[in-house]
Amino acid sequence: LLTERERGVARRLRGLTTEGRRPPRAGQAVLVDGQPAGVVTSGNF
């Protein structure tokens, strides 16, 4: 953990909001500039 803290994390947990009632779901890819860059861990309406 100390090594990771000094080096910096490779990923970080963030929140996402979407418009409308269509819920995100765990396992769906998150696209940054059109390219897969992360994954949803929990999602719902």
PDB file of all heavy atoms in Angstrom:
ATOM      1  N   LEU A   1       0.820  -1.210   0.000  1.00  0.00           N
ATOM      2  CA  LEU A   1       0.000   0.000   0.000  1.00  0.00           C
ATOM      3  C   LEU A   1       0.854   1.259   0.000  1.00  0.00           C
ATOM      4  O   LEU A   1       0.529   2.242  -0.680  1.00  0.00           O
ATOM      5  CB  LEU A   1      -0.937   0.006   1.208  1.00  0.00           C
ATOM      6  CG  LEU A   1      -2.207  -0.826   1.113  1.00  0.00           C
ATOM      7  CD1 LEU A   1      -2.992  -0.736   2.401  1.00  0.00           C
ATOM      8  CD2 LEU A   1      -3.068  -0.372  -0.068  1.00  0.00           C
ATOM      9  N   LEU A   2       1.937   1.227   0.763  1.00  0.00           N
ATOM     10  CA  LEU A   2       2.832   2.389   0.779  1.00  0.00           C
ATOM     11  C   LEU A   2       3.434   2.620  -0.598  1.00  0.00           C
ATOM     12  O   LEU A   2       3.550   3.770  -1.059  1.00  0.00           O
ATOM     13  CB  LEU A   2       3.933   2.185   1.819  1.00  0.00           C
ATOM     14  CG  LEU A   2       3.518   2.344   3.280  1.00  0.00           C
ATOM     15  CD1 LEU A   2       4.673   1.950   4.198  1.00  0.00           C
ATOM     16  CD2 LEU A   2       3.077   3.775   3.562  1.00  0.00           C
ATOM     17  N   THR A   3       3.806   1.535  -1.266  1.00  0.00           N
ATOM     18  CA  THR A   3       4.355   1.656  -2.619  1.00  0.00           C
ATOM     19  C   THR A   3       3.315   2.247  -3.560  1.00  0.00           C
ATOM     20  O   THR A   3       3.617   3.134  -4.369  1.00  0.00           O
ATOM     21  CB  THR A   3       4.814   0.286  -3.130  1.00  0.00           C
ATOM     22  OG1 THR A   3       5.854  -0.211  -2.289  1.00  0.00           O
ATOM     23  CG2 THR A   3       5.330   0.395  -4.555  1.00  0.00           C
ATOM     24  N   GLU A   4       2.076   1.769  -3.445  1.00  0.00           N
ATOM     25  CA  GLU A   4       1.014   2.291  -4.305  1.00  0.00           C
ATOM     26  C   GLU A   4       0.736   3.755  -3.998  1.00  0.00           C
ATOM     27  O   GLU A   4       0.505   4.554  -4.911  1.00  0.00           O
ATOM     28  CB  GLU A   4      -0.261   1.473  -4.129  1.00  0.00           C
ATOM     29  CG  GLU A   4      -1.385   1.901  -5.079  1.00  0.00           C
ATOM     30  CD  GLU A   4      -2.652   1.097  -4.880  1.00  0.00           C
ATOM     31  OE1 GLU A   4      -3.044   0.875  -3.715  1.00  0.00           O
ATOM     32  OE2 GLU A   4      -3.280   0.708  -5.887  1.00  0.00           O
ATOM     33  N   ARG A   5       0.781   4.125  -2.726  1.00  0.00           N
ATOM     34  CA  ARG A   5       0.528   5.518  -2.358  1.00  0.00           C
ATOM     35  C   ARG A   5       1.600   6.438  -2.916  1.00  0.00           C
ATOM     36  O   ARG A   5       1.308   7.547  -3.384  1.00  0.00           O
ATOM     37  CB  ARG A   5       0.461   5.644  -0.836  1.00  0.00           C
ATOM     38  CG  ARG A   5       0.047   7.028  -0.362  1.00  0.00           C
ATOM     39  CD  ARG A   5      -0.158   7.072   1.138  1.00  0.00           C
ATOM     40  NE  ARG A   5       1.089   6.936   1.857  1.00  0.00           N
ATOM     41  CZ  ARG A   5       1.211   7.091   3.188  1.00  0.00           C
ATOM     42  NH1 ARG A   5       0.131   7.352   3.923  1.00  0.00           N
ATOM     43  NH2 ARG A   5       2.375   6.962   3.773  1.00  0.00           N
ATOM     44  N   GLU A   6       2.841   5.985  -2.888  1.00  0.00           N
ATOM     45  CA  GLU A   6       3.939   6.801  -3.406  1.00  0.00           C
ATOM     46  C   GLU A   6       3.917   6.865  -4.937  1.00  0.00           C
ATOM     47  O   GLU A   6       4.188   7.922  -5.527  1.00  0.00           O
ATOM     48  CB  GLU A   6       5.270   6.231  -2.924  1.00  0.00           C
ATOM     49  CG  GLU A   6       5.448   6.323  -1.408  1.00  0.00           C
ATOM     50  CD  GLU A   6       6.687   5.578  -0.930  1.00  0.00           C
ATOM     51  OE1 GLU A   6       7.400   4.999  -1.788  1.00  0.00           O
ATOM     52  OE2 GLU A   6       6.937   5.575   0.289  1.00  0.00           O
ATOM     53  N   ARG A   7       3.592   5.742  -5.566  1.00  0.00           N
ATOM     54  CA  ARG A   7       3.584   5.670  -7.031  1.00  0.00           C
ATOM     55  C   ARG A   7       2.344   6.321  -7.626  1.00  0.00           C
ATOM     56  O   ARG A   7       2.381   6.896  -8.716  1.00  0.00           O
ATOM     57  CB  ARG A   7       3.666   4.206  -7.460  1.00  0.00           C
ATOM     58  CG  ARG A   7       3.711   4.000  -8.968  1.00  0.00           C
ATOM     59  CD  ARG A   7       3.728   2.528  -9.314  1.00  0.00           C
ATOM     60  NE  ARG A   7       2.516   1.868  -8.862  1.00  0.00           N
ATOM     61  CZ  ARG A   7       2.482   0.816  -8.073  1.00  0.00           C
ATOM     62  NH1 ARG A   7       3.612   0.291  -7.609  1.00  0.00           N
ATOM     63  NH2 ARG A   7       1.339   0.260  -7.713  1.00  0.00           N
ATOM     64  N   GLY A   8       1.231   6.213  -6.887  1.00  0.00           N
ATOM     65  CA  GLY A   8      -0.046   6.681  -7.411  1.00  0.00           C
ATOM     66  C   GLY A   8      -0.869   5.510  -7.913  1.00  0.00           C
ATOM     67  O   GLY A   8      -0.316   4.560  -8.491  1.00  0.00           O
ATOM     68  N   VAL A   9      -2.174   5.568  -7.699  1.00  0.00           N
ATOM     69  CA  VAL A   9      -3.040   4.451  -8.086  1.00  0.00           C
ATOM     70  C   VAL A   9      -3.225   4.415  -9.608  1.00  0.00           C
ATOM     71  O   VAL A   9      -3.173   5.444 -10.279  1.00  0.00           O
ATOM     72  CB  VAL A   9      -4.419   4.553  -7.396  1.00  0.00           C
ATOM     73  CG1 VAL A   9      -4.279   4.421  -5.892  1.00  0.00           C
ATOM     74  CG2 VAL A   9      -5.124   5.852  -7.753  1.00  0.00           C
ATOM     75  N   ALA A  10      -3.453   3.208 -10.105  1.00  0.00           N
ATOM     76  CA  ALA A  10      -3.685   3.028 -11.535  1.00  0.00           C
ATOM     77  C   ALA A  10      -5.146   3.244 -11.910  1.00  0.00           C
ATOM     78  O   ALA A  10      -5.472   3.434 -13.084  1.00  0.00           O
ATOM     79  CB  ALA A  10      -3.242   1.633 -11.966  1.00  0.00           C
ATOM     80  N   ARG A  11      -6.019   3.208 -10.918  1.00  0.00           N
ATOM     81  CA  ARG A  11      -7.438   3.442 -11.141  1.00  0.00           C
ATOM     82  C   ARG A  11      -8.054   3.972  -9.852  1.00  0.00           C
ATOM     83  O   ARG A  11      -7.493   3.791  -8.763  1.00  0.00           O
ATOM     84  CB  ARG A  11      -8.149   2.150 -11.556  1.00  0.00           C
ATOM     85  CG  ARG A  11      -8.030   1.033 -10.527  1.00  0.00           C
ATOM     86  CD  ARG A  11      -8.762  -0.211 -10.966  1.00  0.00           C
ATOM     87  NE  ARG A  11      -8.730  -1.252  -9.932  1.00  0.00           N
ATOM     88  CZ  ARG A  11      -9.454  -2.352  -9.965  1.00  0.00           C
ATOM     89  NH1 ARG A  11     -10.258  -2.575 -10.992  1.00  0.00           N
ATOM     90  NH2 ARG A  11      -9.381  -3.252  -8.987  1.00  0.00           N
ATOM     91  N   ARG A  12      -9.189   4.631 -10.000  1.00  0.00           N
ATOM     92  CA  ARG A  12      -9.821   5.239  -8.834  1.00  0.00           C
ATOM     93  C   ARG A  12     -11.339   5.120  -8.964  1.00  0.00           C
ATOM     94  O   ARG A  12     -11.892   5.238 -10.065  1.00  0.00           O
ATOM     95  CB  ARG A  12      -9.423   6.719  -8.723  1.00  0.00           C
ATOM     96  CG  ARG A  12      -9.835   7.379  -7.409  1.00  0.00           C
ATOM     97  CD  ARG A  12      -9.442   8.851  -7.417  1.00  0.00           C
ATOM     98  NE  ARG A  12      -8.012   9.029  -7.625  1.00  0.00           N
ATOM     99  CZ  ARG A  12      -7.103   8.960  -6.650  1.00  0.00           C
ATOM    100  NH1 ARG A  12      -7.495   8.685  -5.419  1.00  0.00           N
ATOM    101  NH2 ARG A  12      -5.836   9.156  -6.907  1.00  0.00           N
ATOM    102  N   LEU A  13     -11.995   4.867  -7.845  1.00  0.00           N
ATOM    103  CA  LEU A  13     -13.447   4.738  -7.851  1.00  0.00           C
ATOM    104  C   LEU A  13     -14.097   6.104  -8.012  1.00  0.00           C
ATOM    105  O   LEU A  13     -13.794   7.042  -7.277  1.00  0.00           O
ATOM    106  CB  LEU A  13     -13.925   4.081  -6.553  1.00  0.00           C
ATOM    107  CG  LEU A  13     -15.388   3.656  -6.509  1.00  0.00           C
ATOM    108  CD1 LEU A  13     -15.661   2.553  -7.526  1.00  0.00           C
ATOM    109  CD2 LEU A  13     -15.764   3.187  -5.104  1.00  0.00           C
ATOM    110  N   ARG A  14     -15.000   6.206  -9.001  1.00  0.00           N
ATOM    111  CA  ARG A  14     -15.700   7.466  -9.275  1.00  0.00           C
ATOM    112  C   ARG A  14     -17.204   7.217  -9.342  1.00  0.00           C
ATOM    113  O   ARG A  14     -17.656   6.081  -9.518  1.00  0.00           O
ATOM    114  CB  ARG A  14     -15.242   8.054 -10.623  1.00  0.00           C
ATOM    115  CG  ARG A  14     -13.768   8.356 -10.719  1.00  0.00           C
ATOM    116  CD  ARG A  14     -13.375   9.542  -9.883  1.00  0.00           C
ATOM    117  NE  ARG A  14     -12.045  10.025 -10.230  1.00  0.00           N
ATOM    118  CZ  ARG A  14     -11.389  10.968  -9.569  1.00  0.00           C
ATOM    119  NH1 ARG A  14     -11.957  11.542  -8.519  1.00  0.00           N
ATOM    120  NH2 ARG A  14     -10.190  11.341  -9.945  1.00  0.00           N
ATOM    121  N   GLY A  15     -17.970   8.279  -9.232  1.00  0.00           N
ATOM    122  CA  GLY A  15     -19.399   8.207  -9.442  1.00  0.00           C
ATOM    123  C   GLY A  15     -19.749   8.638 -10.849  1.00  0.00           C
ATOM    124  O   GLY A  15     -19.032   9.448 -11.469  1.00  0.00           O
ATOM    125  N   LEU A  16     -20.830   8.095 -11.385  1.00  0.00           N
ATOM    126  CA  LEU A  16     -21.313   8.463 -12.718  1.00  0.00           C
ATOM    127  C   LEU A  16     -22.815   8.733 -12.642  1.00  0.00           C
ATOM    128  O   LEU A  16     -23.542   8.034 -11.941  1.00  0.00           O
ATOM    129  CB  LEU A  16     -21.067   7.333 -13.718  1.00  0.00           C
ATOM    130  CG  LEU A  16     -19.619   6.907 -13.980  1.00  0.00           C
ATOM    131  CD1 LEU A  16     -19.592   5.669 -14.872  1.00  0.00           C
ATOM    132  CD2 LEU A  16     -18.823   8.040 -14.604  1.00  0.00           C
ATOM    133  N   THR A  17     -23.268   9.727 -13.360  1.00  0.00           N
ATOM    134  CA  THR A  17     -24.699   9.975 -13.502  1.00  0.00           C
ATOM    135  C   THR A  17     -25.064   9.982 -14.978  1.00  0.00           C
ATOM    136  O   THR A  17     -24.281  10.420 -15.823  1.00  0.00           O
ATOM    137  CB  THR A  17     -25.105  11.329 -12.872  1.00  0.00           C
ATOM    138  OG1 THR A  17     -24.432  12.397 -13.550  1.00  0.00           O
ATOM    139  CG2 THR A  17     -24.760  11.366 -11.394  1.00  0.00           C
ATOM    140  N   THR A  18     -26.239   9.456 -15.275  1.00  0.00           N
ATOM    141  CA  THR A  18     -26.742   9.457 -16.639  1.00  0.00           C
ATOM    142  C   THR A  18     -28.107  10.125 -16.676  1.00  0.00           C
ATOM    143  O   THR A  18     -28.743  10.305 -15.631  1.00  0.00           O
ATOM    144  CB  THR A  18     -26.877   8.022 -17.177  1.00  0.00           C
ATOM    145  OG1 THR A  18     -27.803   7.293 -16.356  1.00  0.00           O
ATOM    146  CG2 THR A  18     -25.534   7.305 -17.158  1.00  0.00           C
ATOM    147  N   GLU A  19     -28.544  10.486 -17.851  1.00  0.00           N
ATOM    148  CA  GLU A  19     -29.876  11.066 -17.990  1.00  0.00           C
ATOM    149  C   GLU A  19     -30.881   9.960 -18.314  1.00  0.00           C
ATOM    150  O   GLU A  19     -30.545   8.950 -18.918  1.00  0.00           O
ATOM    151  CB  GLU A  19     -29.880  12.126 -19.095  1.00  0.00           C
ATOM    152  CG  GLU A  19     -29.000  13.329 -18.779  1.00  0.00           C
ATOM    153  CD  GLU A  19     -29.083  14.394 -19.855  1.00  0.00           C
ATOM    154  OE1 GLU A  19     -29.841  14.181 -20.832  1.00  0.00           O
ATOM    155  OE2 GLU A  19     -28.394  15.411 -19.735  1.00  0.00           O
ATOM    156  N   GLY A  20     -32.114  10.187 -17.910  1.00  0.00           N
ATOM    157  CA  GLY A  20     -33.166   9.230 -18.235  1.00  0.00           C
ATOM    158  C   GLY A  20     -33.222   8.062 -17.274  1.00  0.00           C
ATOM    159  O   GLY A  20     -32.439   7.947 -16.338  1.00  0.00           O
ATOM    160  N   ARG A  21     -34.162   7.164 -17.532  1.00  0.00           N
ATOM    161  CA  ARG A  21     -34.438   6.056 -16.620  1.00  0.00           C
ATOM    162  C   ARG A  21     -33.631   4.793 -16.924  1.00  0.00           C
ATOM    163  O   ARG A  21     -33.693   3.826 -16.170  1.00  0.00           O
ATOM    164  CB  ARG A  21     -35.936   5.727 -16.669  1.00  0.00           C
ATOM    165  CG  ARG A  21     -36.839   6.884 -16.274  1.00  0.00           C
ATOM    166  CD  ARG A  21     -38.303   6.492 -16.345  1.00  0.00           C
ATOM    167  NE  ARG A  21     -38.596   5.393 -15.428  1.00  0.00           N
ATOM    168  CZ  ARG A  21     -38.930   5.552 -14.145  1.00  0.00           C
ATOM    169  NH1 ARG A  21     -38.994   6.765 -13.615  1.00  0.00           N
ATOM    170  NH2 ARG A  21     -39.199   4.500 -13.387  1.00  0.00           N
ATOM    171  N   ARG A  22     -32.910   4.790 -18.009  1.00  0.00           N
ATOM    172  CA  ARG A  22     -32.150   3.587 -18.384  1.00  0.00           C
ATOM    173  C   ARG A  22     -30.976   3.408 -17.421  1.00  0.00           C
ATOM    174  O   ARG A  22     -30.059   4.233 -17.382  1.00  0.00           O
ATOM    175  CB  ARG A  22     -31.656   3.717 -19.807  1.00  0.00           C
ATOM    176  CG  ARG A  22     -31.118   2.432 -20.395  1.00  0.00           C
ATOM    177  CD  ARG A  22     -30.792   2.631 -21.865  1.00  0.00           C
ATOM    178  NE  ARG A  22     -30.393   1.403 -22.522  1.00  0.00           N
ATOM    179  CZ  ARG A  22     -30.039   1.337 -23.794  1.00  0.00           C
ATOM    180  NH1 ARG A  22     -30.051   2.436 -24.538  1.00  0.00           N
ATOM    181  NH2 ARG A  22     -29.678   0.179 -24.327  1.00  0.00           N
ATOM    182  N   PRO A  23     -30.960   2.337 -16.623  1.00  0.00           N
ATOM    183  CA  PRO A  23     -29.939   2.228 -15.577  1.00  0.00           C
ATOM    184  C   PRO A  23     -28.633   1.620 -16.073  1.00  0.00           C
ATOM    185  O   PRO A  23     -28.643   0.660 -16.855  1.00  0.00           O
ATOM    186  CB  PRO A  23     -30.601   1.290 -14.560  1.00  0.00           C
ATOM    187  CG  PRO A  23     -31.469   0.404 -15.394  1.00  0.00           C
ATOM    188  CD  PRO A  23     -31.959   1.253 -16.540  1.00  0.00           C
ATOM    189  N   PRO A  24     -27.502   2.147 -15.635  1.00  0.00           N
ATOM    190  CA  PRO A  24     -26.233   1.458 -15.859  1.00  0.00           C
ATOM    191  C   PRO A  24     -26.218   0.177 -15.031  1.00  0.00           C
ATOM    192  O   PRO A  24     -26.904   0.064 -14.016  1.00  0.00           O
ATOM    193  CB  PRO A  24     -25.186   2.459 -15.348  1.00  0.00           C
ATOM    194  CG  PRO A  24     -25.918   3.746 -15.152  1.00  0.00           C
ATOM    195  CD  PRO A  24     -27.340   3.404 -14.890  1.00  0.00           C
ATOM    196  N   ARG A  25     -25.403  -0.793 -15.453  1.00  0.00           N
ATOM    197  CA  ARG A  25     -25.314  -2.055 -14.741  1.00  0.00           C
ATOM    198  C   ARG A  25     -23.853  -2.455 -14.541  1.00  0.00           C
ATOM    199  O   ARG A  25     -22.980  -2.105 -15.341  1.00  0.00           O
ATOM    200  CB  ARG A  25     -26.039  -3.162 -15.507  1.00  0.00           C
ATOM    201  CG  ARG A  25     -27.551  -2.963 -15.601  1.00  0.00           C
ATOM    202  CD  ARG A  25     -28.212  -2.933 -14.238  1.00  0.00           C
ATOM    203  NE  ARG A  25     -29.668  -2.912 -14.320  1.00  0.00           N
ATOM    204  CZ  ARG A  25     -30.465  -2.674 -13.285  1.00  0.00           C
ATOM    205  NH1 ARG A  25     -29.941  -2.449 -12.091  1.00  0.00           N
ATOM    206  NH2 ARG A  25     -31.781  -2.679 -13.441  1.00  0.00           N
ATOM    207  N   ALA A  26     -23.606  -3.216 -13.463  1.00  0.00           N
ATOM    208  CA  ALA A  26     -22.255  -3.696 -13.177  1.00  0.00           C
ATOM    209  C   ALA A  26     -21.705  -4.503 -14.345  1.00  0.00           C
ATOM    210  O   ALA A  26     -22.431  -5.288 -14.967  1.00  0.00           O
ATOM    211  CB  ALA A  26     -22.266  -4.544 -11.913  1.00  0.00           C
ATOM    212  N   GLY A  27     -20.445  -4.278 -14.654  1.00  0.00           N
ATOM    213  CA  GLY A  27     -19.779  -5.006 -15.728  1.00  0.00           C
ATOM    214  C   GLY A  27     -19.745  -4.267 -17.044  1.00  0.00           C
ATOM    215  O   GLY A  27     -19.007  -4.664 -17.954  1.00  0.00           O
ATOM    216  N   GLN A  28     -20.529  -3.194 -17.179  1.00  0.00           N
ATOM    217  CA  GLN A  28     -20.536  -2.442 -18.435  1.00  0.00           C
ATOM    218  C   GLN A  28     -19.280  -1.564 -18.539  1.00  0.00           C
ATOM    219  O   GLN A  28     -18.813  -1.011 -17.545  1.00  0.00           O
ATOM    220  CB  GLN A  28     -21.793  -1.583 -18.526  1.00  0.00           C
ATOM    221  CG  GLN A  28     -23.067  -2.414 -18.656  1.00  0.00           C
ATOM    222  CD  GLN A  28     -24.332  -1.590 -18.599  1.00  0.00           C
ATOM    223  OE1 GLN A  28     -24.342  -0.461 -18.117  1.00  0.00           O
ATOM    224  NE2 GLN A  28     -25.427  -2.155 -19.100  1.00  0.00           N
ATOM    225  N   ALA A  29     -18.754  -1.457 -19.731  1.00  0.00           N
ATOM    226  CA  ALA A  29     -17.536  -0.683 -19.956  1.00  0.00           C
ATOM    227  C   ALA A  29     -17.831   0.810 -19.913  1.00  0.00           C
ATOM    228  O   ALA A  29     -18.891   1.267 -20.351  1.00  0.00           O
ATOM    229  CB  ALA A  29     -16.919  -1.048 -21.299  1.00  0.00           C
ATOM    230  N   VAL A  30     -16.881   1.562 -19.385  1.00  0.00           N
ATOM    231  CA  VAL A  30     -16.938   3.017 -19.408  1.00  0.00           C
ATOM    232  C   VAL A  30     -15.971   3.502 -20.488  1.00  0.00           C
ATOM    233  O   VAL A  30     -14.797   3.105 -20.514  1.00  0.00           O
ATOM    234  CB  VAL A  30     -16.557   3.619 -18.044  1.00  0.00           C
ATOM    235  CG1 VAL A  30     -16.655   5.141 -18.097  1.00  0.00           C
ATOM    236  CG2 VAL A  30     -17.467   3.069 -16.947  1.00  0.00           C
ATOM    237  N   LEU A  31     -16.478   4.330 -21.375  1.00  0.00           N
ATOM    238  CA  LEU A  31     -15.697   4.813 -22.511  1.00  0.00           C
ATOM    239  C   LEU A  31     -15.216   6.239 -22.250  1.00  0.00           C
ATOM    240  O   LEU A  31     -15.999   7.106 -21.861  1.00  0.00           O
ATOM    241  CB  LEU A  31     -16.550   4.781 -23.784  1.00  0.00           C
ATOM    242  CG  LEU A  31     -17.308   3.480 -24.073  1.00  0.00           C
ATOM    243  CD1 LEU A  31     -18.150   3.639 -25.326  1.00  0.00           C
ATOM    244  CD2 LEU A  31     -16.342   2.312 -24.205  1.00  0.00           C
ATOM    245  N   VAL A  32     -13.923   6.443 -22.453  1.00  0.00           N
ATOM    246  CA  VAL A  32     -13.334   7.775 -22.382  1.00  0.00           C
ATOM    247  C   VAL A  32     -12.790   8.094 -23.765  1.00  0.00           C
ATOM    248  O   VAL A  32     -11.964   7.346 -24.296  1.00  0.00           O
ATOM    249  CB  VAL A  32     -12.209   7.841 -21.323  1.00  0.00           C
ATOM    250  CG1 VAL A  32     -11.562   9.234 -21.324  1.00  0.00           C
ATOM    251  CG2 VAL A  32     -12.760   7.517 -19.941  1.00  0.00           C
ATOM    252  N   ASP A  33     -13.296   9.162 -24.366  1.00  0.00           N
ATOM    253  CA  ASP A  33     -12.940   9.511 -25.746  1.00  0.00           C
ATOM    254  C   ASP A  33     -13.226   8.346 -26.689  1.00  0.00           C
ATOM    255  O   ASP A  33     -12.468   8.065 -27.631  1.00  0.00           O
ATOM    256  CB  ASP A  33     -11.464   9.920 -25.834  1.00  0.00           C
ATOM    257  CG  ASP A  33     -11.164  11.186 -25.053  1.00  0.00           C
ATOM    258  OD1 ASP A  33     -12.067  12.049 -24.954  1.00  0.00           O
ATOM    259  OD2 ASP A  33     -10.048  11.312 -24.525  1.00  0.00           O
ATOM    260  N   GLY A  34     -14.323   7.635 -26.402  1.00  0.00           N
ATOM    261  CA  GLY A  34     -14.761   6.559 -27.268  1.00  0.00           C
ATOM    262  C   GLY A  34     -14.071   5.224 -27.062  1.00  0.00           C
ATOM    263  O   GLY A  34     -14.422   4.248 -27.726  1.00  0.00           O
ATOM    264  N   GLN A  35     -13.107   5.164 -26.147  1.00  0.00           N
ATOM    265  CA  GLN A  35     -12.352   3.937 -25.924  1.00  0.00           C
ATOM    266  C   GLN A  35     -12.607   3.391 -24.517  1.00  0.00           C
ATOM    267  O   GLN A  35     -12.725   4.156 -23.561  1.00  0.00           O
ATOM    268  CB  GLN A  35     -10.848   4.187 -26.103  1.00  0.00           C
ATOM    269  CG  GLN A  35     -10.457   4.663 -27.486  1.00  0.00           C
ATOM    270  CD  GLN A  35     -10.819   3.649 -28.565  1.00  0.00           C
ATOM    271  OE1 GLN A  35     -10.585   2.443 -28.404  1.00  0.00           O
ATOM    272  NE2 GLN A  35     -11.383   4.130 -29.667  1.00  0.00           N
ATOM    273  N   PRO A  36     -12.707   2.054 -24.370  1.00  0.00           N
ATOM    274  CA  PRO A  36     -12.896   1.463 -23.045  1.00  0.00           C
ATOM    275  C   PRO A  36     -11.765   1.863 -22.110  1.00  0.00           C
ATOM    276  O   PRO A  36     -10.587   1.694 -22.430  1.00  0.00           O
ATOM    277  CB  PRO A  36     -12.888  -0.040 -23.322  1.00  0.00           C
ATOM    278  CG  PRO A  36     -13.262  -0.174 -24.767  1.00  0.00           C
ATOM    279  CD  PRO A  36     -12.675   1.032 -25.440  1.00  0.00           C
ATOM    280  N   ALA A  37     -12.124   2.408 -20.960  1.00  0.00           N
ATOM    281  CA  ALA A  37     -11.113   2.870 -20.009  1.00  0.00           C
ATOM    282  C   ALA A  37     -11.414   2.454 -18.578  1.00  0.00           C
ATOM    283  O   ALA A  37     -10.587   2.647 -17.687  1.00  0.00           O
ATOM    284  CB  ALA A  37     -10.988   4.401 -20.072  1.00  0.00           C
ATOM    285  N   GLY A  38     -12.586   1.888 -18.340  1.00  0.00           N
ATOM    286  CA  GLY A  38     -12.962   1.484 -16.996  1.00  0.00           C
ATOM    287  C   GLY A  38     -14.176   0.592 -17.049  1.00  0.00           C
ATOM    288  O   GLY A  38     -14.645   0.200 -18.130  1.00  0.00           O
ATOM    289  N   VAL A  39     -14.694   0.261 -15.879  1.00  0.00           N
ATOM    290  CA  VAL A  39     -15.836  -0.648 -15.813  1.00  0.00           C
ATOM    291  C   VAL A  39     -16.755  -0.233 -14.668  1.00  0.00           C
ATOM    292  O   VAL A  39     -16.298   0.202 -13.613  1.00  0.00           O
ATOM    293  CB  VAL A  39     -15.368  -2.110 -15.628  1.00  0.00           C
ATOM    294  CG1 VAL A  39     -14.627  -2.293 -14.311  1.00  0.00           C
ATOM    295  CG2 VAL A  39     -16.530  -3.069 -15.722  1.00  0.00           C
ATOM    296  N   VAL A  40     -18.055  -0.345 -14.906  1.00  0.00           N
ATOM    297  CA  VAL A  40     -19.049  -0.075 -13.869  1.00  0.00           C
ATOM    298  C   VAL A  40     -19.019  -1.211 -12.856  1.00  0.00           C
ATOM    299  O   VAL A  40     -19.031  -2.386 -13.217  1.00  0.00           O
ATOM    300  CB  VAL A  40     -20.461   0.052 -14.487  1.00  0.00           C
ATOM    301  CG1 VAL A  40     -21.523   0.137 -13.386  1.00  0.00           C
ATOM    302  CG2 VAL A  40     -20.542   1.259 -15.393  1.00  0.00           C
ATOM    303  N   THR A  41     -18.967  -0.862 -11.578  1.00  0.00           N
ATOM    304  CA  THR A  41     -18.986  -1.872 -10.521  1.00  0.00           C
ATOM    305  C   THR A  41     -20.378  -2.014  -9.915  1.00  0.00           C
ATOM    306  O   THR A  41     -20.745  -3.089  -9.449  1.00  0.00           O
ATOM    307  CB  THR A  41     -17.987  -1.513  -9.418  1.00  0.00           C
ATOM    308  OG1 THR A  41     -18.246  -0.178  -8.958  1.00  0.00           O
ATOM    309  CG2 THR A  41     -16.566  -1.590  -9.945  1.00  0.00           C
ATOM    310  N   SER A  42     -21.147  -0.941  -9.864  1.00  0.00           N
ATOM    311  CA  SER A  42     -22.539  -0.959  -9.391  1.00  0.00           C
ATOM    312  C   SER A  42     -23.309   0.095 -10.169  1.00  0.00           C
ATOM    313  O   SER A  42     -22.785   1.195 -10.403  1.00  0.00           O
ATOM    314  CB  SER A  42     -22.641  -0.644  -7.897  1.00  0.00           C
ATOM    315  OG  SER A  42     -22.038  -1.628  -7.102  1.00  0.00           O
ATOM    316  N   GLY A  43     -24.526  -0.224 -10.560  1.00  0.00           N
ATOM    317  CA  GLY A  43     -25.342   0.750 -11.277  1.00  0.00           C
ATOM    318  C   GLY A  43     -26.810   0.458 -11.086  1.00  0.00           C
ATOM    319  O   GLY A  43     -27.212  -0.697 -10.921  1.00  0.00           O
ATOM    320  N   ASN A  44     -27.612   1.516 -11.123  1.00  0.00           N
ATOM    321  CA  ASN A  44     -29.043   1.343 -10.958  1.00  0.00           C
ATOM    322  C   ASN A  44     -29.747   2.642 -11.305  1.00  0.00           C
ATOM    323  O   ASN A  44     -29.110   3.684 -11.521  1.00  0.00           O
ATOM    324  CB  ASN A  44     -29.392   0.932  -9.528  1.00  0.00           C
ATOM    325  CG  ASN A  44     -30.599   0.018  -9.448  1.00  0.00           C
ATOM    326  OD1 ASN A  44     -31.525   0.138 -10.245  1.00  0.00           O
ATOM    327  ND2 ASN A  44     -30.586  -0.898  -8.494  1.00  0.00           N
ATOM    328  N   PHE A  45     -31.069   2.576 -11.330  1.00  0.00           N
ATOM    329  CA  PHE A  45     -31.892   3.769 -11.444  1.00  0.00           C
ATOM    330  C   PHE A  45     -32.107   4.330 -10.043  1.00  0.00           C
ATOM    331  O   PHE A  45     -32.429   3.586  -9.121  1.00  0.00           O
ATOM    332  CB  PHE A  45     -33.235   3.430 -12.092  1.00  0.00           C
ATOM    333  CG  PHE A  45     -34.227   4.557 -12.073  1.00  0.00           C
ATOM    334  CD1 PHE A  45     -34.123   5.610 -12.971  1.00  0.00           C
ATOM    335  CD2 PHE A  45     -35.255   4.573 -11.149  1.00  0.00           C
ATOM    336  CE1 PHE A  45     -35.029   6.651 -12.954  1.00  0.00           C
ATOM    337  CE2 PHE A  45     -36.183   5.606 -11.119  1.00  0.00           C
ATOM    338  CZ  PHE A  45     -36.064   6.652 -12.025  1.00  0.00           C
TER     339      PHE A  45
END
